[in-house]
Amino acid sequence: MNLTPREIVKELDKYVIGQNDAKRAVAIALRNRYRRSKLTPELRDEITPKNIIMKGPTGVGKTEIARRLAKLVGAPFIKVEATKYTEVGYVGRDVESMIRDLVECSVRLVKEEHLKVVSSKATATAEKKVVDLIYSAKLSEKGEKPEELFRQELLNDFREGRYDNLQVEMSVVDKPQQIDLIAGMGAEINIGSIFGDMMPKRKKNRKVTVKEAFKYVLNEESDKLIDNDSVNAEAVRRAEQEGIIFIDEIDKIAAKSNQGGADVSREGVQRDILPIVEGSTVITKYGPVKSDYILFIAAGAFHVSKIEDLIPELQGRFPIKVELASLTKEDFINILTMPENAITKQYKTLLLVDNIDLKFTKDAIESIAEIAAEMNASSEDIGARRLHTVMENLLDDISFNAGGDIPLTTVTVDKSYVEEHLKTSENTRNLKKYIL
């Protein structure tokens, strides 16, 4: 998808309110990837992504911007937390695991694309095999009908879901249990896969529903039509050239002094992450993967530490720095109404399941936004996540009493309803029970 930076920002606006500086930065970074892909191989190799570091309180859209950006272009994307990694020799995850996780994500993406291509052919074969199973179970009902006509009737009934819960017996491959080990140089070895490939495939009979049988046969037939080698090769290429890694809580590993102890450990994690961000080759079970052209987006609140507290070498690998602002009342109003996945729309859809048609008036939205902004200002600033706290308490009675065989009922939430349920000091204190 060759979107211009303006078009990228417009798409991000559907899900993230405000934070235009951050949106511009990621939009330009994404467009530069497209520009780089149009260069000669010699020039392309010289141009590396300009990594981004975001500073801002929690819940203002840092992760969502990166996640939506990746989804927009179908790029492999993972989110990792810097605090999960430790220096070699301490308990924790190896920093190279972020590259292996990215490749796994890329394999899933590419495989899903290949599955869509072979879907119709695999479905036709799977239907034929499942009808054979149903035929064996329903043979006594055939009577004098011609076999072709009887099978067609079974196929039609199967497609309409009439046999979903019918029990049939089928032969399935008995797969060995997978055990992943990390060998020297970080290479992954799957013990179950090694011995499973050496030994002949063992099968066993199982009783399953027709619905389960179809799912199993469809997966089996789809795998037969896919060239796994080409999937893995494309996945590695896409991870290297289009992958996005979001490193959250990077402020937690920023050393504030040189007094030793915990600061030394934090600096050690930074030095371990540095070669991955600089560009190195990581051995995975799909082959070696270069991290040189992966786009890294780091983020942190930086309440205690500053970006400048990161080691200079790591700072240098994040040349683009953007600051995200705290959310205002106007931002909360927009968050409640504008995004395609707005929280008010989510609650409306949820409660409609129990025949509650939930409606919010304009003054109710303004009142909810005002309360959320006040709570963030007077206590911990948790950004848009505060709205979940407020909305859960506001709709507590409605959610609890909904359900059962009630007719469709319209419930209007207006300003007076909001004030009645949220404005009293008692209920304001009760909001704390929804904060995790």
Protein backbone atom coordinates (compact mmCIF):
# COMPACT_ATOMS: atom_id res chain seq x y z
CA MET A 1 0.00 0.00 0.00
CA ASN A 2 1.79 3.11 -1.27
CA LEU A 3 0.22 5.78 0.91
CA THR A 4 1.58 9.32 1.12
CA PRO A 5 2.43 10.69 4.59
CA ARG A 6 -0.78 12.77 4.54
CA GLU A 7 -2.85 9.69 3.72
CA ILE A 8 -1.13 7.71 6.49
CA VAL A 9 -1.90 10.42 9.06
CA LYS A 10 -5.51 10.54 7.83
CA GLU A 11 -5.83 6.78 8.40
CA LEU A 12 -4.24 7.03 11.86
CA ASP A 13 -6.70 9.82 12.74
CA LYS A 14 -9.49 7.23 12.60
CA TYR A 15 -8.07 5.49 15.66
CA VAL A 16 -5.79 7.91 17.52
CA ILE A 17 -6.87 11.40 18.59
CA GLY A 18 -4.35 14.25 18.46
CA GLN A 19 -0.59 13.57 18.77
CA ASN A 20 0.07 15.00 15.29
CA ASP A 21 3.84 15.23 15.76
CA ALA A 22 4.10 11.50 16.47
CA LYS A 23 1.81 10.65 13.55
CA ARG A 24 3.86 12.80 11.17
CA ALA A 25 7.09 11.15 12.33
CA VAL A 26 5.87 7.58 11.78
CA ALA A 27 4.17 8.52 8.50
CA ILE A 28 7.42 9.91 7.11
CA ALA A 29 9.35 6.86 8.35
CA LEU A 30 6.88 4.56 6.60
CA ARG A 31 6.95 6.55 3.36
CA ASN A 32 10.76 6.53 3.41
CA ARG A 33 10.57 2.74 3.31
CA TYR A 34 8.59 2.92 0.08
CA ARG A 35 11.02 5.48 -1.34
CA ARG A 36 13.96 3.26 -0.40
CA SER A 37 12.38 0.25 -2.13
CA LYS A 38 12.45 2.16 -5.43
CA LEU A 39 16.20 2.78 -5.34
CA THR A 40 18.96 0.68 -6.88
CA PRO A 41 20.24 -2.18 -4.67
CA GLU A 42 23.53 -0.33 -4.10
CA LEU A 43 21.82 2.82 -2.80
CA ARG A 44 19.15 0.83 -0.94
CA ASP A 45 21.76 -0.93 1.18
CA GLU A 46 23.19 2.42 2.30
CA ILE A 47 19.90 3.78 3.63
CA THR A 48 18.72 2.59 7.04
CA PRO A 49 15.47 3.51 8.84
CA LYS A 50 15.45 6.59 11.07
CA ASN A 51 14.29 5.10 14.35
CA ILE A 52 11.86 7.01 16.55
CA ILE A 53 11.68 7.51 20.31
CA MET A 54 8.39 8.71 21.81
CA LYS A 55 8.10 10.48 25.14
CA GLY A 56 4.72 10.83 26.84
CA PRO A 57 2.48 9.58 29.68
CA THR A 58 0.81 6.21 29.49
CA GLY A 59 -2.44 5.87 27.57
CA VAL A 60 -1.96 8.76 25.12
CA GLY A 61 -1.53 6.62 21.99
CA LYS A 62 2.15 5.64 21.69
CA THR A 63 1.56 1.91 21.21
CA GLU A 64 -1.64 2.41 19.23
CA ILE A 65 0.09 4.63 16.68
CA ALA A 66 2.78 1.99 16.04
CA ARG A 67 0.28 -0.90 16.00
CA ARG A 68 -2.11 0.83 13.58
CA LEU A 69 0.80 1.86 11.39
CA ALA A 70 1.90 -1.76 10.99
CA LYS A 71 -1.65 -2.97 10.41
CA LEU A 72 -2.15 -0.30 7.76
CA VAL A 73 0.52 -1.79 5.52
CA GLY A 74 0.42 -5.41 6.68
CA ALA A 75 3.92 -5.21 8.14
CA PRO A 76 5.20 -7.69 10.77
CA PHE A 77 4.87 -5.96 14.14
CA ILE A 78 5.68 -6.90 17.71
CA LYS A 79 5.64 -4.99 20.98
CA VAL A 80 8.27 -5.80 23.58
CA GLU A 81 9.01 -4.33 26.98
CA ALA A 82 12.57 -3.26 27.67
CA THR A 83 12.22 -4.34 31.30
CA LYS A 84 11.78 -7.98 30.24
CA TYR A 85 15.41 -8.14 29.12
CA THR A 86 18.40 -8.44 31.40
CA GLU A 87 22.11 -8.69 30.98
CA VAL A 88 23.56 -12.06 30.03
CA GLY A 89 23.96 -14.09 33.21
CA TYR A 90 20.86 -12.68 34.91
CA VAL A 91 17.38 -14.16 34.86
CA GLY A 92 15.46 -12.69 31.94
CA ARG A 93 14.94 -12.85 28.21
CA ASP A 94 17.70 -12.72 25.63
CA VAL A 95 17.42 -9.50 23.60
CA GLU A 96 17.74 -11.49 20.35
CA SER A 97 14.37 -13.08 21.12
CA MET A 98 12.68 -9.89 19.86
CA ILE A 99 13.98 -10.66 16.35
CA ARG A 100 12.87 -14.29 16.59
CA ASP A 101 9.41 -13.15 17.75
CA LEU A 102 9.22 -10.74 14.81
CA VAL A 103 10.04 -13.53 12.34
CA GLU A 104 7.36 -15.75 13.89
CA CYS A 105 4.86 -12.92 13.43
CA SER A 106 6.02 -12.50 9.82
CA VAL A 107 5.61 -16.24 9.13
CA ARG A 108 2.02 -16.09 10.41
CA LEU A 109 1.24 -13.09 8.21
CA VAL A 110 2.70 -14.62 5.05
CA LYS A 111 1.10 -18.00 5.72
CA GLU A 112 -2.32 -16.38 6.15
CA GLU A 113 -1.88 -14.67 2.77
CA HIS A 114 -0.94 -17.96 1.09
CA LEU A 115 -3.87 -19.72 2.76
CA LYS A 116 -6.28 -17.18 1.23
CA VAL A 117 -4.88 -17.96 -2.24
CA VAL A 118 -5.47 -21.72 -1.91
CA SER A 119 -8.65 -21.36 0.14
CA SER A 120 -11.19 -22.28 -2.56
CA LYS A 121 -9.25 -25.32 -3.76
CA ALA A 122 -8.58 -26.56 -0.21
CA THR A 123 -12.23 -26.02 0.78
CA ALA A 124 -13.51 -28.06 -2.17
CA THR A 125 -11.21 -30.99 -1.30
CA ALA A 126 -12.02 -30.77 2.41
CA GLU A 127 -15.77 -30.75 1.72
CA LYS A 128 -15.45 -33.88 -0.39
CA LYS A 129 -13.56 -35.71 2.38
CA VAL A 130 -15.98 -34.62 5.09
CA VAL A 131 -18.97 -35.70 2.97
CA ASP A 132 -17.30 -39.13 2.76
CA LEU A 133 -17.30 -39.25 6.58
CA ILE A 134 -20.94 -38.16 6.77
CA TYR A 135 -21.83 -40.68 4.05
CA SER A 136 -20.46 -43.51 6.21
CA ALA A 137 -22.46 -42.29 9.20
CA LYS A 138 -25.69 -41.75 7.23
CA LEU A 139 -25.53 -44.71 4.84
CA SER A 140 -28.60 -46.30 6.40
CA GLU A 141 -30.69 -43.28 5.25
CA LYS A 142 -29.66 -43.60 1.59
CA GLY A 143 -32.42 -45.98 0.63
CA GLU A 144 -33.00 -46.18 -3.16
CA LYS A 145 -31.52 -42.76 -3.90
CA PRO A 146 -28.74 -42.64 -6.53
CA GLU A 147 -25.39 -42.23 -4.80
CA GLU A 148 -24.53 -38.98 -6.58
CA LEU A 149 -27.86 -37.42 -5.58
CA PHE A 150 -27.49 -38.61 -1.96
CA ARG A 151 -23.98 -37.16 -1.70
CA GLN A 152 -25.16 -33.84 -3.12
CA GLU A 153 -27.93 -33.71 -0.50
CA LEU A 154 -25.38 -34.46 2.23
CA LEU A 155 -23.11 -31.68 0.88
CA ASN A 156 -25.97 -29.15 0.83
CA ASP A 157 -27.01 -30.08 4.38
CA PHE A 158 -23.38 -29.87 5.54
CA ARG A 159 -22.98 -26.39 4.06
CA GLU A 160 -26.12 -25.28 5.89
CA GLY A 161 -24.62 -26.51 9.19
CA ARG A 162 -27.12 -29.32 9.82
CA TYR A 163 -24.36 -31.84 10.57
CA ASP A 164 -22.08 -29.60 12.65
CA ASN A 165 -22.65 -31.65 15.82
CA LEU A 166 -22.80 -35.09 14.18
CA GLN A 167 -20.13 -37.42 15.61
CA VAL A 168 -17.90 -39.12 13.04
CA GLU A 169 -14.74 -41.20 13.30
CA MET A 170 -11.67 -40.09 11.40
CA SER A 171 -7.96 -40.87 11.22
CA VAL A 172 -5.64 -38.09 12.41
CA VAL A 173 -1.86 -37.76 12.55
CA ASP A 174 -0.45 -38.30 16.03
CA LYS A 175 2.00 -35.41 16.23
CA PRO A 176 4.93 -35.61 18.66
CA GLN A 177 5.05 -33.00 21.38
CA GLN A 178 7.12 -29.98 20.39
CA ILE A 179 10.02 -29.02 22.64
CA ASP A 180 11.95 -25.89 21.65
CA LEU A 181 15.52 -25.57 22.87
CA ILE A 182 17.93 -22.70 22.37
CA ALA A 183 21.31 -24.00 21.24
CA GLY A 184 24.58 -22.11 20.92
CA MET A 185 24.47 -18.81 19.00
CA GLY A 186 20.75 -18.53 19.76
CA ALA A 187 19.65 -21.14 17.22
CA GLU A 188 16.31 -22.77 18.00
CA ILE A 189 16.00 -26.55 17.84
CA ASN A 190 12.61 -28.28 17.84
CA ILE A 191 13.15 -31.77 19.29
CA GLY A 192 9.65 -32.97 18.43
CA SER A 193 10.02 -31.81 14.85
CA ILE A 194 13.40 -33.53 14.38
CA PHE A 195 12.28 -36.95 15.58
CA GLY A 196 8.84 -36.54 14.01
CA ASP A 197 10.41 -36.05 10.57
CA MET A 198 12.69 -39.06 11.00
CA MET A 199 9.94 -41.46 12.05
CA PRO A 200 7.00 -42.52 9.85
CA LYS A 201 3.79 -40.59 10.54
CA ARG A 202 1.66 -42.40 13.11
CA LYS A 203 -2.10 -42.13 12.86
CA LYS A 204 -4.89 -42.76 15.33
CA ASN A 205 -8.68 -42.85 15.08
CA ARG A 206 -10.63 -40.16 16.89
CA LYS A 207 -14.31 -39.39 17.31
CA VAL A 208 -14.98 -35.75 16.49
CA THR A 209 -17.89 -33.59 15.37
CA VAL A 210 -18.28 -32.85 11.67
CA LYS A 211 -17.43 -29.20 12.38
CA GLU A 212 -14.13 -30.21 14.02
CA ALA A 213 -13.41 -32.73 11.26
CA PHE A 214 -13.86 -30.10 8.54
CA LYS A 215 -11.54 -27.67 10.33
CA TYR A 216 -8.87 -30.37 10.69
CA VAL A 217 -9.15 -31.56 7.06
CA LEU A 218 -9.19 -27.97 5.73
CA ASN A 219 -5.95 -27.16 7.59
CA GLU A 220 -4.39 -30.40 6.35
CA GLU A 221 -5.35 -29.75 2.71
CA SER A 222 -4.27 -26.10 2.89
CA ASP A 223 -0.84 -27.12 4.21
CA LYS A 224 -0.44 -29.54 1.30
CA LEU A 225 -1.04 -26.71 -1.20
CA ILE A 226 1.43 -24.31 0.44
CA ASP A 227 5.16 -24.32 -0.20
CA ASN A 228 6.52 -23.80 3.32
CA ASP A 229 10.03 -23.04 2.04
CA SER A 230 8.76 -20.09 -0.01
CA VAL A 231 6.59 -18.95 2.92
CA ASN A 232 9.58 -18.96 5.26
CA ALA A 233 11.84 -17.21 2.75
CA GLU A 234 9.27 -14.47 2.14
CA ALA A 235 8.64 -14.15 5.89
CA VAL A 236 12.35 -13.61 6.59
CA ARG A 237 12.58 -11.04 3.78
CA ARG A 238 9.52 -9.18 5.05
CA ALA A 239 10.73 -9.20 8.65
CA GLU A 240 14.09 -7.77 7.55
CA GLN A 241 12.76 -5.14 5.15
CA GLU A 242 9.33 -4.23 6.56
CA GLY A 243 9.38 -5.31 10.23
CA ILE A 244 8.49 -2.88 13.02
CA ILE A 245 9.56 -3.48 16.63
CA PHE A 246 8.00 -1.33 19.34
CA ILE A 247 10.18 -1.21 22.47
CA ASP A 248 8.03 0.02 25.36
CA GLU A 249 9.15 1.21 28.80
CA ILE A 250 12.61 2.12 27.54
CA ASP A 251 12.73 4.82 30.23
CA LYS A 252 12.86 2.04 32.85
CA ILE A 253 16.32 0.99 31.68
CA ALA A 254 17.70 4.54 31.51
CA ALA A 255 20.49 4.97 34.07
CA LYS A 256 20.26 8.19 36.09
CA SER A 257 23.75 8.09 37.55
CA ASN A 258 27.00 6.19 37.61
CA GLN A 259 26.75 4.97 41.19
CA GLY A 260 26.65 1.26 40.32
CA GLY A 261 24.06 -1.25 41.44
CA ALA A 262 20.77 -1.13 39.55
CA ASP A 263 22.06 1.60 37.22
CA VAL A 264 24.87 -0.66 36.03
CA SER A 265 22.33 -3.41 35.30
CA ARG A 266 20.10 -1.00 33.36
CA GLU A 267 23.05 0.24 31.33
CA GLY A 268 23.98 -3.38 30.62
CA VAL A 269 20.52 -3.98 29.11
CA GLN A 270 20.95 -0.90 26.93
CA ARG A 271 24.29 -2.21 25.68
CA ASP A 272 22.69 -5.58 24.90
CA ILE A 273 19.88 -3.91 22.93
CA LEU A 274 22.30 -1.61 21.09
CA PRO A 275 23.70 -4.13 18.54
CA ILE A 276 20.17 -5.25 17.62
CA VAL A 277 19.14 -1.65 16.90
CA GLU A 278 22.47 -0.86 15.19
CA GLY A 279 22.10 -3.85 12.89
CA SER A 280 23.23 -7.40 13.46
CA THR A 281 22.47 -10.93 12.29
CA VAL A 282 20.34 -13.15 14.53
CA ILE A 283 20.12 -16.90 14.00
CA THR A 284 16.51 -18.18 14.00
CA LYS A 285 14.95 -21.51 13.08
CA TYR A 286 14.03 -19.95 9.73
CA GLY A 287 17.63 -18.96 9.04
CA PRO A 288 19.78 -15.88 9.73
CA VAL A 289 17.88 -12.59 10.00
CA LYS A 290 19.47 -9.15 9.67
CA SER A 291 18.08 -6.36 11.84
CA ASP A 292 19.73 -3.52 9.87
CA TYR A 293 16.54 -2.35 8.13
CA ILE A 294 13.95 -3.06 10.82
CA LEU A 295 12.18 0.09 12.05
CA PHE A 296 12.50 0.45 15.83
CA ILE A 297 10.08 2.69 17.72
CA ALA A 298 10.93 3.15 21.40
CA ALA A 299 8.62 4.73 23.95
CA GLY A 300 8.50 5.68 27.60
CA ALA A 301 6.88 8.09 30.03
CA PHE A 302 10.29 9.44 31.19
CA HIS A 303 8.76 10.76 34.44
CA VAL A 304 11.87 10.05 36.52
CA SER A 305 14.60 9.66 33.94
CA LYS A 306 15.18 11.64 30.74
CA ILE A 307 15.92 10.55 27.18
CA GLU A 308 19.39 12.01 27.75
CA ASP A 309 19.95 9.39 30.48
CA LEU A 310 20.15 6.66 27.85
CA ILE A 311 23.69 5.81 26.79
CA PRO A 312 24.85 8.10 23.93
CA GLU A 313 25.27 5.21 21.48
CA LEU A 314 21.61 4.17 21.93
CA GLN A 315 20.38 7.77 21.72
CA GLY A 316 22.22 8.10 18.43
CA ARG A 317 20.25 5.18 17.00
CA PHE A 318 16.96 7.01 17.67
CA PRO A 319 17.50 10.29 15.81
CA ILE A 320 13.80 11.25 15.73
CA LYS A 321 12.38 12.30 19.09
CA VAL A 322 8.71 13.23 19.51
CA GLU A 323 6.80 14.24 22.62
CA LEU A 324 3.17 13.23 23.11
CA ALA A 325 0.97 15.56 25.13
CA SER A 326 -1.38 14.70 27.99
CA LEU A 327 -5.03 14.42 26.96
CA THR A 328 -7.35 17.38 27.51
CA LYS A 329 -11.14 17.47 27.96
CA GLU A 330 -11.53 18.19 24.23
CA ASP A 331 -9.35 15.17 23.43
CA PHE A 332 -11.54 12.95 25.61
CA ILE A 333 -14.68 14.22 23.84
CA ASN A 334 -13.14 13.31 20.50
CA ILE A 335 -11.96 9.91 21.78
CA LEU A 336 -15.51 9.14 22.95
CA THR A 337 -17.10 10.02 19.61
CA MET A 338 -14.74 10.11 16.62
CA PRO A 339 -12.68 6.86 16.33
CA GLU A 340 -14.20 3.88 14.50
CA ASN A 341 -13.66 1.81 17.65
CA ALA A 342 -14.79 4.52 20.10
CA ILE A 343 -15.49 3.21 23.60
CA THR A 344 -19.10 4.50 23.50
CA LYS A 345 -19.70 2.46 20.32
CA GLN A 346 -18.17 -0.59 21.99
CA TYR A 347 -20.52 -0.40 24.98
CA LYS A 348 -23.51 0.27 22.71
CA THR A 349 -22.72 -2.87 20.70
CA LEU A 350 -22.11 -4.99 23.81
CA LEU A 351 -25.36 -4.04 25.53
CA LEU A 352 -27.39 -4.43 22.33
CA VAL A 353 -26.77 -8.17 22.76
CA ASP A 354 -29.05 -7.95 25.84
CA ASN A 355 -31.62 -5.75 24.01
CA ILE A 356 -30.38 -2.48 25.54
CA ASP A 357 -30.20 0.32 22.97
CA LEU A 358 -27.72 2.66 24.65
CA LYS A 359 -27.66 6.32 23.63
CA PHE A 360 -25.37 9.12 24.85
CA THR A 361 -26.40 12.78 24.69
CA LYS A 362 -23.88 15.48 23.80
CA ASP A 363 -23.89 16.96 27.32
CA ALA A 364 -23.29 13.47 28.78
CA ILE A 365 -20.20 13.03 26.59
CA GLU A 366 -18.90 16.43 27.73
CA SER A 367 -19.50 15.56 31.38
CA ILE A 368 -17.74 12.17 31.06
CA ALA A 369 -14.77 13.86 29.36
CA GLU A 370 -14.58 16.51 32.08
CA ILE A 371 -14.55 13.89 34.87
CA ALA A 372 -11.85 11.83 33.10
CA ALA A 373 -9.66 14.91 32.64
CA GLU A 374 -10.13 15.96 36.29
CA MET A 375 -9.22 12.51 37.58
CA ASN A 376 -6.06 12.38 35.45
CA ALA A 377 -5.08 15.82 36.75
CA SER A 378 -5.76 15.02 40.43
CA SER A 379 -4.29 11.50 40.51
CA GLU A 380 -2.08 9.38 38.26
CA ASP A 381 -2.26 10.42 34.58
CA ILE A 382 -3.19 7.21 32.77
CA GLY A 383 -4.40 8.88 29.59
CA ALA A 384 -7.31 7.40 27.64
CA ARG A 385 -7.33 4.34 29.90
CA ARG A 386 -9.09 6.57 32.44
CA LEU A 387 -12.18 6.38 30.25
CA HIS A 388 -12.47 2.64 30.91
CA THR A 389 -12.52 3.42 34.64
CA VAL A 390 -15.19 6.09 34.26
CA MET A 391 -17.37 4.17 31.80
CA GLU A 392 -17.36 0.95 33.83
CA ASN A 393 -18.58 2.81 36.92
CA LEU A 394 -21.09 4.87 34.94
CA LEU A 395 -22.72 1.83 33.30
CA ASP A 396 -22.35 -0.51 36.26
CA ASP A 397 -26.11 -0.62 37.06
CA ILE A 398 -27.14 -0.98 33.41
CA SER A 399 -24.64 -3.77 32.74
CA PHE A 400 -25.65 -5.65 35.90
CA ASN A 401 -29.41 -5.49 35.31
CA ALA A 402 -29.31 -6.19 31.56
CA GLY A 403 -29.99 -9.69 30.31
CA GLY A 404 -32.85 -12.15 30.30
CA ASP A 405 -35.90 -12.07 28.05
CA ILE A 406 -36.50 -8.33 28.01
CA PRO A 407 -37.81 -6.46 24.94
CA LEU A 408 -35.64 -3.94 23.14
CA THR A 409 -35.28 -1.02 25.56
CA THR A 410 -33.75 2.38 24.83
CA VAL A 411 -31.60 3.76 27.66
CA THR A 412 -30.45 7.37 27.29
CA VAL A 413 -27.41 8.52 29.25
CA ASP A 414 -27.61 12.28 29.71
CA LYS A 415 -25.78 14.81 31.87
CA SER A 416 -28.06 14.29 34.87
CA TYR A 417 -27.48 10.52 34.71
CA VAL A 418 -23.71 11.07 34.64
CA GLU A 419 -23.84 13.49 37.57
CA GLU A 420 -26.04 11.14 39.56
CA HIS A 421 -23.67 8.20 39.10
CA LEU A 422 -20.26 9.89 39.04
CA LYS A 423 -20.31 13.36 40.57
CA THR A 424 -20.77 12.43 44.25
CA SER A 425 -17.61 12.11 46.29
CA GLU A 426 -18.60 8.57 47.28
CA ASN A 427 -18.76 7.36 43.69
CA THR A 428 -15.61 9.21 42.75
CA ARG A 429 -13.81 7.25 45.45
CA ASN A 430 -15.41 4.04 44.18
CA LEU A 431 -13.75 4.54 40.81
CA LYS A 432 -10.56 3.31 42.44
CA LYS A 433 -11.86 -0.24 42.43
CA TYR A 434 -11.64 -0.28 38.64
CA ILE A 435 -7.98 0.80 38.52
CA LEU A 436 -5.69 -2.19 38.14
